[in-house]
Protein backbone atom coordinates (compact mmCIF):
# COMPACT_ATOMS: atom_id res chain seq x y z
CA MET A 1 -7.05 -10.11 -12.33
CA ASP A 2 -10.18 -10.71 -10.29
CA ASP A 3 -10.57 -8.11 -7.53
CA GLU A 4 -11.03 -10.87 -4.98
CA GLU A 5 -7.73 -12.60 -5.68
CA LEU A 6 -4.35 -11.70 -4.27
CA THR A 7 -1.29 -11.64 -6.48
CA PRO A 8 1.40 -14.24 -5.79
CA LEU A 9 3.53 -11.50 -4.18
CA GLU A 10 0.67 -10.41 -1.92
CA ARG A 11 0.08 -14.01 -0.84
CA SER A 12 3.81 -14.33 -0.11
CA VAL A 13 3.77 -11.17 2.02
CA LEU A 14 0.91 -12.53 4.14
CA ALA A 15 2.58 -15.94 4.40
CA LEU A 16 5.78 -14.31 5.62
CA GLU A 17 3.78 -12.41 8.26
CA ARG A 18 2.28 -15.67 9.56
CA ARG A 19 5.72 -16.96 10.49
CA GLY A 20 7.37 -16.30 13.85
CA TRP A 21 10.63 -14.39 13.87
CA PRO A 22 13.33 -14.76 16.54
CA THR A 23 14.77 -11.32 15.71
CA PRO A 24 13.76 -8.36 13.55
CA GLY A 25 16.89 -8.90 11.46
CA ALA A 26 15.77 -12.41 10.53
CA LYS A 27 12.52 -11.09 9.10
CA GLU A 28 14.24 -8.34 7.06
CA ARG A 29 16.71 -10.92 5.73
CA ALA A 30 13.82 -13.18 4.66
CA VAL A 31 12.09 -10.24 2.97
CA ARG A 32 15.22 -9.58 0.90
CA GLU A 33 16.13 -13.20 0.17
CA GLU A 34 12.69 -14.76 -0.35
CA LEU A 35 10.75 -11.88 -1.86
CA GLY A 36 13.55 -9.81 -3.38
CA LEU A 37 12.17 -6.64 -1.81
CA ALA A 38 13.74 -3.88 0.22
CA PRO A 39 12.17 -3.84 3.70
CA VAL A 40 10.69 -0.36 3.10
CA ARG A 41 8.86 -1.60 -0.02
CA TYR A 42 7.72 -4.72 1.84
CA TYR A 43 6.15 -2.68 4.63
CA GLN A 44 4.47 -0.37 2.09
CA LEU A 45 2.90 -3.41 0.42
CA LEU A 46 1.94 -4.93 3.75
CA ASN A 47 0.29 -1.74 4.98
CA ALA A 48 -1.75 -1.44 1.78
CA LEU A 49 -2.76 -5.10 2.09
CA LEU A 50 -4.09 -4.54 5.60
CA ASP A 51 -6.67 -2.17 4.13
CA ALA A 52 -7.66 -4.50 1.27
CA PRO A 53 -10.88 -6.49 1.74
CA ARG A 54 -9.46 -9.26 -0.47
CA ALA A 55 -6.52 -9.71 1.93
CA LEU A 56 -8.96 -9.96 4.83
CA ALA A 57 -10.96 -12.57 2.91
CA HIS A 58 -7.77 -14.54 2.14
CA ASP A 59 -6.27 -14.57 5.64
CA PRO A 60 -8.55 -12.98 8.25
CA VAL A 61 -6.55 -14.13 11.27
CA THR A 62 -3.27 -12.61 10.10
CA VAL A 63 -4.83 -9.43 8.70
CA ASN A 64 -6.88 -8.76 11.84
CA ARG A 65 -3.86 -9.41 14.09
CA LEU A 66 -1.73 -7.00 12.07
CA ARG A 67 -4.50 -4.39 12.03
CA ARG A 68 -4.66 -4.53 15.83
CA VAL A 69 -0.87 -4.13 16.09
CA ARG A 70 -0.97 -1.19 13.69
CA GLU A 71 -3.73 0.52 15.68
CA VAL A 72 -1.86 0.10 18.97
CA ARG A 73 1.28 1.62 17.44
CA ARG A 74 -0.70 4.53 16.01
CA ALA A 75 -2.31 5.19 19.37
CA GLU A 76 1.09 5.13 21.08
CA ARG A 77 2.52 7.62 18.58
CA GLU A 78 -0.44 9.95 18.92
CA GLY A 79 -0.08 9.71 22.65
């Protein structure tokens, strides 16, 4: 696989993150039904993707938005 290309699963993870979710439960249900992943595994994949330059190249708007959210949550935890 070319280092610049995302796998089909990685593209699906980013596509799922682009969608709006009325409730957290709806997103977890979609993760299980559409991707066949446990939510914990999904978030592990997503977090790794946020650090991948190829993910940023594929979908900069989504990746940058999620990076900002992650940084805010980290800052809140660290107090």
